[in-house]
Amino acid sequence: MSENKLIPELTDIKDNTVVVIAGPTASGKSGLALEVAIRYNGVVINADAMQVYRKIPIITAAPTVADRQKAEHQLYEIFEPDKNGSVAEWLPLAAAAIKEVWQRNKLPVVVGGTGFYIESLVGGVSPIPETGSETKERIAAVLADGGTAGAYELLQKIDPAGAAMVKAGDTTRVRRALEIFTDTGKSIAEWFKQPLVRLLPGTDFRIIPLLPPLNVLEDRCSQRFDMMMHEGALEEVEALLRLELPDSLPAMKAIGVPELKDYLCGKCSLEEAVAAAKLHTRQYAKRQLTWFRNRLRKLPAEIVAPD
């Protein structure tokens, strides 16, 4: 449950209302989402890019079985860890889940720390068509053959404008840019110039930001990773490594996985691995905090501050 026991008062809830609880890791947003869902007859819908993967619920702090018994949760652990999930795949699933929840006269409570997912749901996305399976397979082969570096080099050759918009080491975005250019013949730079499209136009979005002070957040990050270790994070990563998945997959990049992998491969001590994971968690939380502070109020939604 959330450490913040004061739930914002939600008035004038309409048939098209969606509550969005956003904030950095360890901010208490999942607990607050559960409390809001219980009080307002809601369904919790995941907007975290890592909690969509199976086999790593401890590392990703996915809702527990006990929490899922208290309120319905959707879009958690829906993909196998060998999948390259993306906002392009999550967004229509989220829109469909929200509509289905409305049909049952319940309140959708979207919660997550992936800013791009939330921004895309509330503010809209570029009208880029979904790429075909044949194209996905071709680009997957490029990545398998030359890695992210090779794929990025190819992107620079065929779509320099698109390459300038993504980081060379960002496997997901490099892959997506290549797929888009291959399938449409147009650079992602051109697609992003198009007006944004909202999958749920006219929705009454209410955003509840959870943005604790940085020092509080950093303490929570360290405490939570200690709890993860106690709950079996090391064994979870050990089981994940037995699947022999490429390090380029999103699930293999979840904070805690690379660090504990280094320990299991004999590259560092357990203490060093845990310290590195805590450091990377704090750094990630700081980036999230900055992002949400700068971007949330620019979205077409009502901001509902916690009491």
C-alpha atoms as a PDB file:
ATOM      1  CA  MET A   1       0.000   0.000   0.000  1.00  0.00           C
ATOM      2  CA  SER A   2       1.040   3.588  -0.490  1.00  0.00           C
ATOM      3  CA  GLU A   3       2.796   5.382   2.335  1.00  0.00           C
ATOM      4  CA  ASN A   4       0.547   8.340   1.558  1.00  0.00           C
ATOM      5  CA  LYS A   5      -2.749   7.370   3.170  1.00  0.00           C
ATOM      6  CA  LEU A   6      -4.532  10.543   2.025  1.00  0.00           C
ATOM      7  CA  ILE A   7      -6.412   9.824  -1.177  1.00  0.00           C
ATOM      8  CA  PRO A   8      -7.314  12.817  -3.373  1.00  0.00           C
ATOM      9  CA  GLU A   9     -11.023  13.546  -3.452  1.00  0.00           C
ATOM     10  CA  LEU A  10     -12.363  12.779  -6.918  1.00  0.00           C
ATOM     11  CA  THR A  11     -15.583  14.635  -7.661  1.00  0.00           C
ATOM     12  CA  ASP A  12     -17.860  14.650 -10.691  1.00  0.00           C
ATOM     13  CA  ILE A  13     -16.576  11.330 -12.051  1.00  0.00           C
ATOM     14  CA  LYS A  14     -18.009  10.885 -15.537  1.00  0.00           C
ATOM     15  CA  ASP A  15     -18.534   7.937 -17.848  1.00  0.00           C
ATOM     16  CA  ASN A  16     -15.354   8.961 -19.697  1.00  0.00           C
ATOM     17  CA  THR A  17     -13.122   9.704 -16.694  1.00  0.00           C
ATOM     18  CA  VAL A  18      -9.675   8.130 -16.441  1.00  0.00           C
ATOM     19  CA  VAL A  19      -7.476   8.633 -13.389  1.00  0.00           C
ATOM     20  CA  VAL A  20      -3.746   8.619 -14.133  1.00  0.00           C
ATOM     21  CA  ILE A  21      -1.309   8.236 -11.231  1.00  0.00           C
ATOM     22  CA  ALA A  22       2.203   9.123 -12.360  1.00  0.00           C
ATOM     23  CA  GLY A  23       5.537   9.365 -10.634  1.00  0.00           C
ATOM     24  CA  PRO A  24       9.041   7.961 -10.332  1.00  0.00           C
ATOM     25  CA  THR A  25       9.959   4.534  -9.035  1.00  0.00           C
ATOM     26  CA  ALA A  26       9.448   4.048  -5.275  1.00  0.00           C
ATOM     27  CA  SER A  27       7.134   7.075  -5.053  1.00  0.00           C
ATOM     28  CA  GLY A  28       4.231   4.986  -3.745  1.00  0.00           C
ATOM     29  CA  LYS A  29       2.101   5.284  -6.887  1.00  0.00           C
ATOM     30  CA  SER A  30       1.149   1.603  -7.124  1.00  0.00           C
ATOM     31  CA  GLY A  31      -0.142   1.606  -3.570  1.00  0.00           C
ATOM     32  CA  LEU A  32      -2.094   4.799  -4.124  1.00  0.00           C
ATOM     33  CA  ALA A  33      -3.576   3.392  -7.335  1.00  0.00           C
ATOM     34  CA  LEU A  34      -4.799   0.390  -5.390  1.00  0.00           C
ATOM     35  CA  GLU A  35      -6.382   2.624  -2.734  1.00  0.00           C
ATOM     36  CA  VAL A  36      -8.092   4.771  -5.381  1.00  0.00           C
ATOM     37  CA  ALA A  37      -9.395   1.670  -7.166  1.00  0.00           C
ATOM     38  CA  ILE A  38     -10.823   0.280  -3.931  1.00  0.00           C
ATOM     39  CA  ARG A  39     -12.530   3.530  -2.964  1.00  0.00           C
ATOM     40  CA  TYR A  40     -13.921   4.455  -6.384  1.00  0.00           C
ATOM     41  CA  ASN A  41     -14.836   1.044  -7.839  1.00  0.00           C
ATOM     42  CA  GLY A  42     -11.847   1.101 -10.147  1.00  0.00           C
ATOM     43  CA  VAL A  43      -9.591  -1.177 -12.152  1.00  0.00           C
ATOM     44  CA  VAL A  44      -5.818  -0.624 -12.056  1.00  0.00           C
ATOM     45  CA  ILE A  45      -4.223  -0.512 -15.525  1.00  0.00           C
ATOM     46  CA  ASN A  46      -0.458  -0.749 -15.906  1.00  0.00           C
ATOM     47  CA  ALA A  47       1.552   2.014 -17.628  1.00  0.00           C
ATOM     48  CA  ASP A  48       5.026   0.781 -16.711  1.00  0.00           C
ATOM     49  CA  ALA A  49       7.219  -0.465 -19.553  1.00  0.00           C
ATOM     50  CA  MET A  50       8.919  -3.123 -17.398  1.00  0.00           C
ATOM     51  CA  GLN A  51       5.929  -4.457 -15.478  1.00  0.00           C
ATOM     52  CA  VAL A  52       4.494  -5.801 -18.740  1.00  0.00           C
ATOM     53  CA  TYR A  53       7.034  -8.655 -18.656  1.00  0.00           C
ATOM     54  CA  ARG A  54       6.604 -12.047 -17.045  1.00  0.00           C
ATOM     55  CA  LYS A  55       9.222 -13.823 -14.901  1.00  0.00           C
ATOM     56  CA  ILE A  56      10.580 -10.626 -13.266  1.00  0.00           C
ATOM     57  CA  PRO A  57       7.799  -9.455 -10.889  1.00  0.00           C
ATOM     58  CA  ILE A  58      10.180  -8.876  -7.973  1.00  0.00           C
ATOM     59  CA  ILE A  59      12.756  -6.849  -9.914  1.00  0.00           C
ATOM     60  CA  THR A  60      10.011  -4.741 -11.535  1.00  0.00           C
ATOM     61  CA  ALA A  61       7.969  -4.379  -8.313  1.00  0.00           C
ATOM     62  CA  ALA A  62       4.840  -5.709  -9.994  1.00  0.00           C
ATOM     63  CA  PRO A  63       1.674  -5.852  -7.844  1.00  0.00           C
ATOM     64  CA  THR A  64       1.576  -8.773  -5.448  1.00  0.00           C
ATOM     65  CA  VAL A  65      -1.018 -11.529  -5.481  1.00  0.00           C
ATOM     66  CA  ALA A  66      -2.519 -10.000  -2.332  1.00  0.00           C
ATOM     67  CA  ASP A  67      -2.906  -6.596  -4.008  1.00  0.00           C
ATOM     68  CA  ARG A  68      -4.492  -8.153  -7.082  1.00  0.00           C
ATOM     69  CA  GLN A  69      -7.054  -9.826  -4.862  1.00  0.00           C
ATOM     70  CA  LYS A  70      -8.080  -6.451  -3.432  1.00  0.00           C
ATOM     71  CA  ALA A  71      -8.744  -4.855  -6.835  1.00  0.00           C
ATOM     72  CA  GLU A  72      -8.622  -5.926 -10.460  1.00  0.00           C
ATOM     73  CA  HIS A  73      -5.316  -5.256 -12.268  1.00  0.00           C
ATOM     74  CA  GLN A  74      -4.781  -5.311 -16.046  1.00  0.00           C
ATOM     75  CA  LEU A  75      -1.794  -5.250 -18.449  1.00  0.00           C
ATOM     76  CA  TYR A  76       0.690  -6.589 -15.900  1.00  0.00           C
ATOM     77  CA  GLU A  77       2.994  -9.459 -16.931  1.00  0.00           C
ATOM     78  CA  ILE A  78       1.399  -9.810 -20.359  1.00  0.00           C
ATOM     79  CA  PHE A  79       4.570 -10.387 -22.414  1.00  0.00           C
ATOM     80  CA  GLU A  80       7.232 -13.071 -22.232  1.00  0.00           C
ATOM     81  CA  PRO A  81      10.706 -11.639 -21.514  1.00  0.00           C
ATOM     82  CA  ASP A  82      11.901 -12.522 -25.020  1.00  0.00           C
ATOM     83  CA  LYS A  83       9.558  -9.898 -26.503  1.00  0.00           C
ATOM     84  CA  ASN A  84      10.523  -6.382 -27.557  1.00  0.00           C
ATOM     85  CA  GLY A  85       7.579  -4.510 -26.078  1.00  0.00           C
ATOM     86  CA  SER A  86       6.952  -0.897 -27.074  1.00  0.00           C
ATOM     87  CA  VAL A  87       4.545   1.977 -26.599  1.00  0.00           C
ATOM     88  CA  ALA A  88       3.171   1.175 -30.065  1.00  0.00           C
ATOM     89  CA  GLU A  89       1.991  -2.201 -28.738  1.00  0.00           C
ATOM     90  CA  TRP A  90       0.994  -1.031 -25.265  1.00  0.00           C
ATOM     91  CA  LEU A  91      -1.107   1.958 -26.308  1.00  0.00           C
ATOM     92  CA  PRO A  92      -3.927   0.136 -28.164  1.00  0.00           C
ATOM     93  CA  LEU A  93      -4.041  -2.454 -25.382  1.00  0.00           C
ATOM     94  CA  ALA A  94      -4.418   0.319 -22.813  1.00  0.00           C
ATOM     95  CA  ALA A  95      -7.118   2.078 -24.837  1.00  0.00           C
ATOM     96  CA  ALA A  96      -9.041  -1.184 -25.224  1.00  0.00           C
ATOM     97  CA  ALA A  97      -8.710  -1.925 -21.494  1.00  0.00           C
ATOM     98  CA  ILE A  98     -10.011   1.525 -20.583  1.00  0.00           C
ATOM     99  CA  LYS A  99     -13.028   1.169 -22.865  1.00  0.00           C
ATOM    100  CA  GLU A 100     -13.800  -2.280 -21.443  1.00  0.00           C
ATOM    101  CA  VAL A 101     -13.618  -0.916 -17.891  1.00  0.00           C
ATOM    102  CA  TRP A 102     -15.974   1.937 -18.804  1.00  0.00           C
ATOM    103  CA  GLN A 103     -18.447  -0.574 -20.231  1.00  0.00           C
ATOM    104  CA  ARG A 104     -18.625  -2.192 -16.799  1.00  0.00           C
ATOM    105  CA  ASN A 105     -19.297   1.196 -15.180  1.00  0.00           C
ATOM    106  CA  LYS A 106     -15.976   1.104 -13.384  1.00  0.00           C
ATOM    107  CA  LEU A 107     -13.214   3.711 -13.128  1.00  0.00           C
ATOM    108  CA  PRO A 108      -9.964   3.106 -15.061  1.00  0.00           C
ATOM    109  CA  VAL A 109      -6.964   3.912 -12.842  1.00  0.00           C
ATOM    110  CA  VAL A 110      -3.859   4.042 -15.021  1.00  0.00           C
ATOM    111  CA  VAL A 111      -0.591   3.963 -13.084  1.00  0.00           C
ATOM    112  CA  GLY A 112       3.057   3.913 -14.068  1.00  0.00           C
ATOM    113  CA  GLY A 113       6.413   5.572 -14.205  1.00  0.00           C
ATOM    114  CA  THR A 114       7.032   5.356 -17.938  1.00  0.00           C
ATOM    115  CA  GLY A 115       6.507   8.952 -18.975  1.00  0.00           C
ATOM    116  CA  PHE A 116       6.307   8.262 -22.699  1.00  0.00           C
ATOM    117  CA  TYR A 117       3.485   5.762 -22.173  1.00  0.00           C
ATOM    118  CA  ILE A 118       1.467   8.249 -20.127  1.00  0.00           C
ATOM    119  CA  GLU A 119       2.214  11.139 -22.465  1.00  0.00           C
ATOM    120  CA  SER A 120       1.140   9.060 -25.474  1.00  0.00           C
ATOM    121  CA  LEU A 121      -2.105   7.970 -23.840  1.00  0.00           C
ATOM    122  CA  VAL A 122      -3.125  11.418 -22.641  1.00  0.00           C
ATOM    123  CA  GLY A 123      -1.565  13.730 -25.226  1.00  0.00           C
ATOM    124  CA  GLY A 124      -1.537  11.567 -28.345  1.00  0.00           C
ATOM    125  CA  VAL A 125       1.051  10.006 -30.659  1.00  0.00           C
ATOM    126  CA  SER A 126       2.360  10.514 -34.154  1.00  0.00           C
ATOM    127  CA  PRO A 127       0.187   8.697 -36.721  1.00  0.00           C
ATOM    128  CA  ILE A 128       2.853   6.124 -37.557  1.00  0.00           C
ATOM    129  CA  PRO A 129       1.294   2.904 -38.899  1.00  0.00           C
ATOM    130  CA  GLU A 130       2.153  -0.365 -37.215  1.00  0.00           C
ATOM    131  CA  THR A 131       4.835  -2.229 -39.120  1.00  0.00           C
ATOM    132  CA  GLY A 132       4.286  -5.664 -40.593  1.00  0.00           C
ATOM    133  CA  SER A 133       5.602  -8.939 -39.202  1.00  0.00           C
ATOM    134  CA  GLU A 134       7.907  -9.476 -42.199  1.00  0.00           C
ATOM    135  CA  THR A 135       9.585  -6.115 -41.580  1.00  0.00           C
ATOM    136  CA  LYS A 136       9.936  -6.865 -37.884  1.00  0.00           C
ATOM    137  CA  GLU A 137      11.653 -10.144 -38.711  1.00  0.00           C
ATOM    138  CA  ARG A 138      14.032  -8.439 -41.161  1.00  0.00           C
ATOM    139  CA  ILE A 139      15.094  -5.811 -38.630  1.00  0.00           C
ATOM    140  CA  ALA A 140      15.377  -8.455 -35.901  1.00  0.00           C
ATOM    141  CA  ALA A 141      17.824 -10.275 -38.165  1.00  0.00           C
ATOM    142  CA  VAL A 142      19.826  -7.058 -38.611  1.00  0.00           C
ATOM    143  CA  LEU A 143      20.047  -6.681 -34.840  1.00  0.00           C
ATOM    144  CA  ALA A 144      20.995 -10.325 -34.365  1.00  0.00           C
ATOM    145  CA  ASP A 145      23.735 -10.037 -36.958  1.00  0.00           C
ATOM    146  CA  GLY A 146      25.321  -6.689 -36.085  1.00  0.00           C
ATOM    147  CA  GLY A 147      23.897  -5.789 -32.703  1.00  0.00           C
ATOM    148  CA  THR A 148      22.573  -2.345 -31.841  1.00  0.00           C
ATOM    149  CA  ALA A 149      25.721  -0.678 -33.150  1.00  0.00           C
ATOM    150  CA  GLY A 150      25.344  -2.315 -36.556  1.00  0.00           C
ATOM    151  CA  ALA A 151      21.656  -1.478 -36.710  1.00  0.00           C
ATOM    152  CA  TYR A 152      22.350   2.141 -35.837  1.00  0.00           C
ATOM    153  CA  GLU A 153      25.035   2.336 -38.531  1.00  0.00           C
ATOM    154  CA  LEU A 154      22.474   1.092 -41.062  1.00  0.00           C
ATOM    155  CA  LEU A 155      19.956   3.666 -39.807  1.00  0.00           C
ATOM    156  CA  GLN A 156      22.514   6.439 -40.305  1.00  0.00           C
ATOM    157  CA  LYS A 157      22.983   5.339 -43.907  1.00  0.00           C
ATOM    158  CA  ILE A 158      19.336   5.019 -44.927  1.00  0.00           C
ATOM    159  CA  ASP A 159      17.713   7.576 -42.591  1.00  0.00           C
ATOM    160  CA  PRO A 160      20.206  10.094 -41.204  1.00  0.00           C
ATOM    161  CA  ALA A 161      17.436  12.431 -40.004  1.00  0.00           C
ATOM    162  CA  GLY A 162      15.863   9.590 -38.040  1.00  0.00           C
ATOM    163  CA  ALA A 163      19.231   8.476 -36.674  1.00  0.00           C
ATOM    164  CA  ALA A 164      19.767  11.967 -35.303  1.00  0.00           C
ATOM    165  CA  MET A 165      16.597  11.593 -33.214  1.00  0.00           C
ATOM    166  CA  VAL A 166      17.587   8.417 -31.364  1.00  0.00           C
ATOM    167  CA  LYS A 167      20.526   7.434 -29.192  1.00  0.00           C
ATOM    168  CA  ALA A 168      22.967   5.007 -30.754  1.00  0.00           C
ATOM    169  CA  GLY A 169      22.642   2.565 -27.845  1.00  0.00           C
ATOM    170  CA  ASP A 170      18.840   2.636 -27.565  1.00  0.00           C
ATOM    171  CA  THR A 171      17.994  -0.735 -29.103  1.00  0.00           C
ATOM    172  CA  THR A 172      14.215  -0.288 -28.938  1.00  0.00           C
ATOM    173  CA  ARG A 173      14.161   3.096 -30.691  1.00  0.00           C
ATOM    174  CA  VAL A 174      16.808   2.140 -33.247  1.00  0.00           C
ATOM    175  CA  ARG A 175      14.816  -0.962 -34.108  1.00  0.00           C
ATOM    176  CA  ARG A 176      11.584   1.015 -34.337  1.00  0.00           C
ATOM    177  CA  ALA A 177      13.145   3.698 -36.573  1.00  0.00           C
ATOM    178  CA  LEU A 178      14.466   1.048 -38.958  1.00  0.00           C
ATOM    179  CA  GLU A 179      11.114  -0.740 -39.060  1.00  0.00           C
ATOM    180  CA  ILE A 180       9.260   2.487 -39.813  1.00  0.00           C
ATOM    181  CA  PHE A 181      11.593   3.545 -42.633  1.00  0.00           C
ATOM    182  CA  THR A 182      11.657   0.041 -44.113  1.00  0.00           C
ATOM    183  CA  ASP A 183       7.873  -0.295 -44.044  1.00  0.00           C
ATOM    184  CA  THR A 184       6.803   3.240 -45.026  1.00  0.00           C
ATOM    185  CA  GLY A 185       9.768   4.712 -46.868  1.00  0.00           C
ATOM    186  CA  LYS A 186       9.476   7.779 -44.634  1.00  0.00           C
ATOM    187  CA  SER A 187      11.799   8.858 -41.836  1.00  0.00           C
ATOM    188  CA  ILE A 188      10.536   8.958 -38.265  1.00  0.00           C
ATOM    189  CA  ALA A 189      11.547  12.626 -38.431  1.00  0.00           C
ATOM    190  CA  GLU A 190       8.838  13.145 -41.067  1.00  0.00           C
ATOM    191  CA  TRP A 191       6.248  11.151 -39.163  1.00  0.00           C
ATOM    192  CA  PHE A 192       6.856  13.155 -35.992  1.00  0.00           C
ATOM    193  CA  LYS A 193       6.013  16.363 -37.865  1.00  0.00           C
ATOM    194  CA  GLN A 194       2.449  15.113 -38.323  1.00  0.00           C
ATOM    195  CA  PRO A 195      -0.318  16.213 -35.885  1.00  0.00           C
ATOM    196  CA  LEU A 196      -0.685  13.969 -32.862  1.00  0.00           C
ATOM    197  CA  VAL A 197      -3.517  11.451 -32.784  1.00  0.00           C
ATOM    198  CA  ARG A 198      -5.311  10.606 -29.532  1.00  0.00           C
ATOM    199  CA  LEU A 199      -6.733   7.101 -29.216  1.00  0.00           C
ATOM    200  CA  LEU A 200      -9.269   8.294 -26.641  1.00  0.00           C
ATOM    201  CA  PRO A 201     -10.312  11.787 -27.771  1.00  0.00           C
ATOM    202  CA  GLY A 202     -12.606  13.656 -25.421  1.00  0.00           C
ATOM    203  CA  THR A 203     -11.529  11.636 -22.387  1.00  0.00           C
ATOM    204  CA  ASP A 204     -11.711  13.300 -18.986  1.00  0.00           C
ATOM    205  CA  PHE A 205      -8.173  12.599 -17.786  1.00  0.00           C
ATOM    206  CA  ARG A 206      -7.377  13.371 -14.128  1.00  0.00           C
ATOM    207  CA  ILE A 207      -3.660  13.168 -13.346  1.00  0.00           C
ATOM    208  CA  ILE A 208      -2.456  12.590  -9.788  1.00  0.00           C
ATOM    209  CA  PRO A 209       1.315  13.270  -9.677  1.00  0.00           C
ATOM    210  CA  LEU A 210       3.358  11.674  -6.909  1.00  0.00           C
ATOM    211  CA  LEU A 211       6.639  13.608  -6.801  1.00  0.00           C
ATOM    212  CA  PRO A 212       8.363  13.219  -3.418  1.00  0.00           C
ATOM    213  CA  PRO A 213      11.488  15.232  -2.546  1.00  0.00           C
ATOM    214  CA  LEU A 214      14.591  13.695  -4.104  1.00  0.00           C
ATOM    215  CA  ASN A 215      16.222  12.777  -0.784  1.00  0.00           C
ATOM    216  CA  VAL A 216      13.082  10.931   0.313  1.00  0.00           C
ATOM    217  CA  LEU A 217      12.886   9.168  -3.026  1.00  0.00           C
ATOM    218  CA  GLU A 218      16.529   8.077  -2.909  1.00  0.00           C
ATOM    219  CA  ASP A 219      16.075   6.555   0.555  1.00  0.00           C
ATOM    220  CA  ARG A 220      13.012   4.658  -0.632  1.00  0.00           C
ATOM    221  CA  CYS A 221      14.872   3.345  -3.686  1.00  0.00           C
ATOM    222  CA  SER A 222      17.622   1.848  -1.516  1.00  0.00           C
ATOM    223  CA  GLN A 223      15.177   0.386   0.987  1.00  0.00           C
ATOM    224  CA  ARG A 224      13.060  -1.126  -1.752  1.00  0.00           C
ATOM    225  CA  PHE A 225      15.996  -2.872  -3.420  1.00  0.00           C
ATOM    226  CA  ASP A 226      16.973  -4.385  -0.066  1.00  0.00           C
ATOM    227  CA  MET A 227      13.400  -5.670   0.174  1.00  0.00           C
ATOM    228  CA  MET A 228      13.626  -7.093  -3.348  1.00  0.00           C
ATOM    229  CA  MET A 229      16.762  -8.993  -2.414  1.00  0.00           C
ATOM    230  CA  HIS A 230      15.015 -10.381   0.642  1.00  0.00           C
ATOM    231  CA  GLU A 231      12.045 -11.449  -1.511  1.00  0.00           C
ATOM    232  CA  GLY A 232      14.201 -13.389  -3.992  1.00  0.00           C
ATOM    233  CA  ALA A 233      15.431 -10.958  -6.675  1.00  0.00           C
ATOM    234  CA  LEU A 234      18.709 -12.853  -7.048  1.00  0.00           C
ATOM    235  CA  GLU A 235      16.966 -16.156  -7.662  1.00  0.00           C
ATOM    236  CA  GLU A 236      14.624 -14.423 -10.119  1.00  0.00           C
ATOM    237  CA  VAL A 237      17.546 -13.094 -12.164  1.00  0.00           C
ATOM    238  CA  GLU A 238      19.270 -16.468 -11.997  1.00  0.00           C
ATOM    239  CA  ALA A 239      16.179 -18.117 -13.510  1.00  0.00           C
ATOM    240  CA  LEU A 240      15.981 -15.404 -16.160  1.00  0.00           C
ATOM    241  CA  LEU A 241      19.600 -16.004 -17.199  1.00  0.00           C
ATOM    242  CA  ARG A 242      18.843 -19.672 -17.775  1.00  0.00           C
ATOM    243  CA  LEU A 243      16.635 -18.571 -20.689  1.00  0.00           C
ATOM    244  CA  GLU A 244      19.793 -17.299 -22.439  1.00  0.00           C
ATOM    245  CA  LEU A 245      18.113 -14.178 -23.808  1.00  0.00           C
ATOM    246  CA  PRO A 246      20.020 -11.389 -25.615  1.00  0.00           C
ATOM    247  CA  ASP A 247      21.080  -8.517 -23.382  1.00  0.00           C
ATOM    248  CA  SER A 248      19.459  -6.109 -25.851  1.00  0.00           C
ATOM    249  CA  LEU A 249      15.935  -7.124 -24.807  1.00  0.00           C
ATOM    250  CA  PRO A 250      14.069  -4.680 -22.529  1.00  0.00           C
ATOM    251  CA  ALA A 251      13.507  -7.302 -19.826  1.00  0.00           C
ATOM    252  CA  MET A 252      17.249  -7.904 -19.619  1.00  0.00           C
ATOM    253  CA  LYS A 253      17.792  -4.176 -19.056  1.00  0.00           C
ATOM    254  CA  ALA A 254      15.433  -3.867 -16.084  1.00  0.00           C
ATOM    255  CA  ILE A 255      17.364  -2.248 -13.240  1.00  0.00           C
ATOM    256  CA  GLY A 256      18.767  -5.015 -11.092  1.00  0.00           C
ATOM    257  CA  VAL A 257      19.061  -7.580 -13.874  1.00  0.00           C
ATOM    258  CA  PRO A 258      22.410  -6.476 -15.409  1.00  0.00           C
ATOM    259  CA  GLU A 259      23.887  -5.759 -11.979  1.00  0.00           C
ATOM    260  CA  LEU A 260      22.935  -9.105 -10.453  1.00  0.00           C
ATOM    261  CA  LYS A 261      23.956 -10.836 -13.681  1.00  0.00           C
ATOM    262  CA  ASP A 262      27.464  -9.418 -13.201  1.00  0.00           C
ATOM    263  CA  TYR A 263      27.577 -11.024  -9.756  1.00  0.00           C
ATOM    264  CA  LEU A 264      26.252 -14.357 -11.009  1.00  0.00           C
ATOM    265  CA  CYS A 265      28.865 -14.309 -13.799  1.00  0.00           C
ATOM    266  CA  GLY A 266      31.657 -13.675 -11.286  1.00  0.00           C
ATOM    267  CA  LYS A 267      32.405 -10.121 -12.400  1.00  0.00           C
ATOM    268  CA  CYS A 268      31.828  -8.517  -8.994  1.00  0.00           C
ATOM    269  CA  SER A 269      30.820  -9.284  -5.419  1.00  0.00           C
ATOM    270  CA  LEU A 270      27.185  -9.390  -4.354  1.00  0.00           C
ATOM    271  CA  GLU A 271      27.698  -6.239  -2.286  1.00  0.00           C
ATOM    272  CA  GLU A 272      29.060  -4.414  -5.338  1.00  0.00           C
ATOM    273  CA  ALA A 273      26.166  -5.616  -7.476  1.00  0.00           C
ATOM    274  CA  VAL A 274      23.573  -4.443  -4.958  1.00  0.00           C
ATOM    275  CA  ALA A 275      25.322  -1.080  -4.568  1.00  0.00           C
ATOM    276  CA  ALA A 276      25.359  -0.617  -8.349  1.00  0.00           C
ATOM    277  CA  ALA A 277      21.675  -1.526  -8.638  1.00  0.00           C
ATOM    278  CA  LYS A 278      20.762   0.950  -5.901  1.00  0.00           C
ATOM    279  CA  LEU A 279      22.808   3.677  -7.579  1.00  0.00           C
ATOM    280  CA  HIS A 280      21.194   3.068 -10.962  1.00  0.00           C
ATOM    281  CA  THR A 281      17.738   3.007  -9.358  1.00  0.00           C
ATOM    282  CA  ARG A 282      18.368   6.377  -7.703  1.00  0.00           C
ATOM    283  CA  GLN A 283      19.690   7.845 -10.955  1.00  0.00           C
ATOM    284  CA  TYR A 284      16.651   6.574 -12.855  1.00  0.00           C
ATOM    285  CA  ALA A 285      14.259   7.937 -10.239  1.00  0.00           C
ATOM    286  CA  LYS A 286      15.928  11.350 -10.470  1.00  0.00           C
ATOM    287  CA  ARG A 287      15.476  11.398 -14.249  1.00  0.00           C
ATOM    288  CA  GLN A 288      11.841  10.390 -13.870  1.00  0.00           C
ATOM    289  CA  LEU A 289      11.267  13.088 -11.270  1.00  0.00           C
ATOM    290  CA  THR A 290      12.662  15.744 -13.584  1.00  0.00           C
ATOM    291  CA  TRP A 291      10.629  14.460 -16.537  1.00  0.00           C
ATOM    292  CA  PHE A 292       7.317  14.420 -14.688  1.00  0.00           C
ATOM    293  CA  ARG A 293       7.882  17.852 -13.156  1.00  0.00           C
ATOM    294  CA  ASN A 294       8.530  19.307 -16.604  1.00  0.00           C
ATOM    295  CA  ARG A 295       5.962  17.476 -18.708  1.00  0.00           C
ATOM    296  CA  LEU A 296       2.832  16.509 -16.766  1.00  0.00           C
ATOM    297  CA  ARG A 297       1.303  19.983 -16.640  1.00  0.00           C
ATOM    298  CA  LYS A 298       1.702  20.348 -20.403  1.00  0.00           C
ATOM    299  CA  LEU A 299      -0.725  17.487 -21.031  1.00  0.00           C
ATOM    300  CA  PRO A 300      -4.435  18.085 -21.800  1.00  0.00           C
ATOM    301  CA  ALA A 301      -5.633  16.881 -18.416  1.00  0.00           C
ATOM    302  CA  GLU A 302      -6.734  18.103 -15.008  1.00  0.00           C
ATOM    303  CA  ILE A 303      -4.019  17.848 -12.356  1.00  0.00           C
ATOM    304  CA  VAL A 304      -5.382  16.535  -9.069  1.00  0.00           C
ATOM    305  CA  ALA A 305      -2.839  16.997  -6.289  1.00  0.00           C
ATOM    306  CA  PRO A 306      -2.800  14.553  -3.361  1.00  0.00           C
ATOM    307  CA  ASP A 307      -4.251  16.101  -0.191  1.00  0.00           C
END
